[in-house]
């Protein structure tokens, strides 16, 4: 759901990569495992392959057949798990987003002493393959009535979870006036930087923006 070069601190991109690798590793099972486990492994391979295809080929180039081939399964097996194309790709983005959330928390098991580390990690989430995949899905949903309500619901869910993680890692007290809006502003800014990074490496400017937002957060949240 690969991104171009980010800043030297690769915490966020590491979370993105860990999520995708985790999905692939979870799917790698020996052939003698029970049928239920094989079915789960097939599903996870399809989800990881769907995100990778979306990131690389966009919505138009990511058919169920393309994903099935990349995952090493038949089209029929893919449709057994995901009857429609919309089922497959919305499930894929949601699954890897959840894996990414787990990986991001794992980067700061004891919490982060430096808010700049957290800001950098959050910003880097929007430069990896998951963001590219999600972006293609959003654009497709804006033009397809059948897909739009599902992606709208998915975006709301992922957005809430990302906000919750940001609040947790930043140590933000949302009962304080302006704290919630400041955290959300950070995430909106991060998405904007991710969009700017799609065409060119925006790393130098991104470093300066991250530094400034870290100072703003320290002033408001401390």
Protein backbone atom coordinates (compact mmCIF):
# COMPACT_ATOMS: atom_id res chain seq x y z
CA UNK A 1 0.00 0.00 0.00
CA UNK A 2 7.27 1.80 -2.54
CA UNK A 3 7.58 5.29 -1.34
CA UNK A 4 10.48 7.57 -2.26
CA UNK A 5 13.31 8.51 0.07
CA UNK A 6 12.30 9.89 3.44
CA UNK A 7 14.26 11.56 6.22
CA UNK A 8 17.08 9.78 8.06
CA UNK A 9 14.69 8.84 10.87
CA UNK A 10 12.78 5.95 9.29
CA UNK A 11 10.54 5.03 12.21
CA UNK A 12 7.30 5.58 10.29
CA UNK A 13 8.44 3.89 7.11
CA UNK A 14 9.75 1.04 9.25
CA UNK A 15 6.24 0.63 10.67
CA UNK A 16 4.86 0.57 7.13
CA UNK A 17 7.44 -1.97 5.96
CA UNK A 18 6.97 -4.07 9.11
CA UNK A 19 3.23 -4.21 8.51
CA UNK A 20 3.65 -5.43 4.94
CA UNK A 21 6.40 -7.90 5.86
CA UNK A 22 4.31 -9.14 8.77
CA UNK A 23 1.43 -9.87 6.43
CA UNK A 24 3.73 -11.79 4.09
CA UNK A 25 5.45 -13.74 6.86
CA UNK A 26 2.14 -14.66 8.46
CA UNK A 27 1.06 -16.06 5.11
CA UNK A 28 4.20 -18.21 4.67
CA UNK A 29 3.16 -21.60 6.03
CA UNK A 30 4.42 -25.10 5.20
CA UNK A 31 2.07 -27.21 3.04
CA UNK A 32 1.22 -29.70 5.82
CA UNK A 33 -0.51 -27.14 8.07
CA UNK A 34 -4.24 -27.64 8.83
CA UNK A 35 -6.77 -26.53 6.22
CA UNK A 36 -7.99 -23.62 8.36
CA UNK A 37 -4.44 -22.28 8.70
CA UNK A 38 -3.84 -22.66 4.96
CA UNK A 39 -7.03 -20.72 4.28
CA UNK A 40 -5.89 -17.95 6.64
CA UNK A 41 -2.47 -17.87 4.99
CA UNK A 42 -4.04 -17.60 1.54
CA UNK A 43 -6.21 -14.72 2.71
CA UNK A 44 -3.20 -12.87 4.14
CA UNK A 45 -1.19 -13.38 0.94
CA UNK A 46 -4.07 -11.91 -1.04
CA UNK A 47 -4.33 -8.90 1.28
CA UNK A 48 -0.60 -8.14 1.10
CA UNK A 49 -0.59 -8.62 -2.69
CA UNK A 50 -3.62 -6.34 -3.11
CA UNK A 51 -1.93 -3.48 -1.25
CA UNK A 52 1.29 -3.92 -3.23
CA UNK A 53 -0.62 -3.96 -6.55
CA UNK A 54 -2.61 -0.85 -5.66
CA UNK A 55 0.56 1.02 -4.70
CA UNK A 56 2.38 0.00 -7.89
CA UNK A 57 -0.36 -0.12 -10.53
CA UNK A 58 -3.23 1.97 -9.21
CA UNK A 59 -6.89 1.01 -9.23
CA UNK A 60 -7.20 0.54 -12.99
CA UNK A 61 -4.26 -1.88 -13.12
CA UNK A 62 -5.17 -3.84 -10.01
CA UNK A 63 -7.66 -6.52 -10.97
CA UNK A 64 -8.50 -9.61 -8.95
CA UNK A 65 -6.59 -11.70 -11.51
CA UNK A 66 -3.46 -9.56 -11.13
CA UNK A 67 -3.61 -9.82 -7.35
CA UNK A 68 -4.24 -13.57 -7.44
CA UNK A 69 -1.24 -14.10 -9.70
CA UNK A 70 1.00 -12.03 -7.43
CA UNK A 71 -0.24 -13.93 -4.38
CA UNK A 72 0.37 -17.26 -6.11
CA UNK A 73 -3.25 -18.43 -5.96
CA UNK A 74 -5.98 -19.02 -8.52
CA UNK A 75 -8.60 -16.42 -9.36
CA UNK A 76 -11.22 -18.81 -8.02
CA UNK A 77 -9.42 -19.04 -4.68
CA UNK A 78 -9.24 -15.26 -4.51
CA UNK A 79 -12.96 -14.92 -5.18
CA UNK A 80 -13.71 -17.56 -2.56
CA UNK A 81 -12.20 -15.25 0.06
CA UNK A 82 -13.30 -11.97 -1.54
CA UNK A 83 -16.33 -12.26 -3.85
CA UNK A 84 -15.90 -8.79 -5.33
CA UNK A 85 -13.01 -6.51 -6.22
CA UNK A 86 -14.30 -3.96 -3.73
CA UNK A 87 -14.29 -6.58 -0.96
CA UNK A 88 -10.65 -7.43 -1.68
CA UNK A 89 -9.17 -3.95 -1.79
CA UNK A 90 -11.06 -2.37 1.09
CA UNK A 91 -10.20 -5.39 3.26
CA UNK A 92 -6.55 -5.14 2.17
CA UNK A 93 -6.15 -1.49 3.08
CA UNK A 94 -7.88 -2.02 6.42
CA UNK A 95 -5.84 -5.10 7.27
CA UNK A 96 -2.45 -3.53 6.53
CA UNK A 97 -3.49 -0.31 8.28
CA UNK A 98 -4.18 -2.35 11.41
CA UNK A 99 -0.84 -4.15 11.07
CA UNK A 100 0.86 -0.77 10.63
CA UNK A 101 -0.77 0.56 13.79
CA UNK A 102 0.61 -2.38 15.74
CA UNK A 103 4.07 -1.89 14.23
CA UNK A 104 4.01 1.84 15.00
CA UNK A 105 3.21 1.23 18.66
CA UNK A 106 6.00 -1.34 18.78
CA UNK A 107 8.50 1.35 17.75
CA UNK A 108 7.84 3.15 21.05
CA UNK A 109 7.17 0.35 23.58
CA UNK A 110 8.08 2.60 26.52
CA UNK A 111 6.64 5.75 24.97
CA UNK A 112 8.67 8.41 23.21
CA UNK A 113 10.79 10.84 25.21
CA UNK A 114 11.16 13.12 22.20
CA UNK A 115 7.99 14.29 20.44
CA UNK A 116 9.96 14.94 17.29
CA UNK A 117 10.56 11.19 16.95
CA UNK A 118 6.80 10.63 17.06
CA UNK A 119 6.07 13.44 14.61
CA UNK A 120 8.65 12.03 12.19
CA UNK A 121 7.17 8.54 12.49
CA UNK A 122 3.64 9.83 11.88
CA UNK A 123 4.71 11.90 8.89
CA UNK A 124 6.61 8.95 7.43
CA UNK A 125 3.41 6.89 7.49
CA UNK A 126 2.23 9.02 4.58
CA UNK A 127 5.22 8.34 2.33
CA UNK A 128 5.09 4.53 2.21
CA UNK A 129 3.26 2.01 0.04
CA UNK A 130 0.18 1.85 2.28
CA UNK A 131 -0.51 5.55 1.74
CA UNK A 132 -0.05 5.17 -2.01
CA UNK A 133 -2.47 2.24 -2.07
CA UNK A 134 -5.03 4.08 0.05
CA UNK A 135 -4.75 7.14 -2.16
CA UNK A 136 -5.52 5.12 -5.29
CA UNK A 137 -8.50 3.63 -3.49
CA UNK A 138 -9.78 7.08 -2.46
CA UNK A 139 -9.48 8.43 -6.01
CA UNK A 140 -11.33 5.42 -7.40
CA UNK A 141 -14.06 5.84 -4.78
CA UNK A 142 -14.60 9.45 -5.79
CA UNK A 143 -15.67 8.21 -9.24
CA UNK A 144 -17.42 4.94 -8.40
CA UNK A 145 -20.71 4.99 -6.51
CA UNK A 146 -20.46 1.33 -5.51
CA UNK A 147 -17.07 1.84 -3.88
CA UNK A 148 -17.56 5.26 -2.30
CA UNK A 149 -19.57 4.37 0.83
CA UNK A 150 -17.23 1.52 1.73
CA UNK A 151 -14.10 3.65 1.37
CA UNK A 152 -15.73 6.52 3.26
CA UNK A 153 -16.42 4.17 6.16
CA UNK A 154 -12.91 2.70 5.95
CA UNK A 155 -11.27 6.13 5.92
CA UNK A 156 -13.24 7.16 9.00
CA UNK A 157 -12.15 4.00 10.83
CA UNK A 158 -8.47 4.32 9.87
CA UNK A 159 -8.54 8.05 10.63
CA UNK A 160 -9.91 7.48 14.14
CA UNK A 161 -7.32 4.81 14.85
CA UNK A 162 -4.44 6.95 13.59
CA UNK A 163 -5.66 9.88 15.69
CA UNK A 164 -5.91 7.65 18.75
CA UNK A 165 -2.34 6.39 18.27
CA UNK A 166 -1.05 9.93 17.74
CA UNK A 167 -2.69 11.11 20.96
CA UNK A 168 -1.23 8.13 22.83
CA UNK A 169 2.32 8.50 21.52
CA UNK A 170 2.39 12.29 21.83
CA UNK A 171 1.08 12.15 25.39
CA UNK A 172 -1.65 14.62 24.48
CA UNK A 173 -4.35 15.52 27.00
CA UNK A 174 -7.39 16.15 24.82
CA UNK A 175 -9.28 17.71 27.70
CA UNK A 176 -7.05 20.75 27.26
CA UNK A 177 -8.43 23.40 24.89
CA UNK A 178 -6.97 23.09 21.41
CA UNK A 179 -5.11 19.81 22.03
CA UNK A 180 -7.40 17.64 19.90
CA UNK A 181 -7.41 20.12 17.04
CA UNK A 182 -3.62 20.40 17.18
CA UNK A 183 -3.16 16.63 16.88
CA UNK A 184 -5.63 16.48 14.01
CA UNK A 185 -3.86 19.40 12.35
CA UNK A 186 -0.62 17.44 12.56
CA UNK A 187 -2.19 14.46 10.80
CA UNK A 188 -3.75 16.66 8.12
CA UNK A 189 -0.38 18.29 7.57
CA UNK A 190 1.31 14.88 7.36
CA UNK A 191 -1.15 13.80 4.66
CA UNK A 192 -0.39 16.95 2.70
CA UNK A 193 3.35 16.29 2.92
CA UNK A 194 2.70 12.75 1.72
CA UNK A 195 0.87 14.05 -1.34
CA UNK A 196 3.72 16.46 -2.11
CA UNK A 197 6.16 13.57 -1.85
CA UNK A 198 4.40 11.48 -4.50
CA UNK A 199 6.07 13.23 -7.41
CA UNK A 200 9.35 14.48 -5.95
CA UNK A 201 11.52 13.79 -2.92
CA UNK A 202 10.38 16.48 -0.51
CA UNK A 203 12.62 15.32 2.33
CA UNK A 204 14.50 18.58 2.96
CA UNK A 205 11.36 20.70 3.36
CA UNK A 206 9.69 17.92 5.32
CA UNK A 207 12.49 17.96 7.89
CA UNK A 208 11.98 21.66 8.49
CA UNK A 209 8.22 21.28 8.79
CA UNK A 210 8.61 18.35 11.21
CA UNK A 211 10.95 20.42 13.37
CA UNK A 212 8.50 23.34 13.47
CA UNK A 213 5.49 21.14 14.26
CA UNK A 214 7.45 19.47 17.04
CA UNK A 215 8.06 22.87 18.61
CA UNK A 216 4.38 23.78 18.22
CA UNK A 217 3.30 20.53 19.89
CA UNK A 218 5.74 21.03 22.75
CA UNK A 219 4.29 24.47 23.33
CA UNK A 220 0.65 23.37 23.24
CA UNK A 221 0.75 19.88 24.73
CA UNK A 222 3.31 20.39 27.50
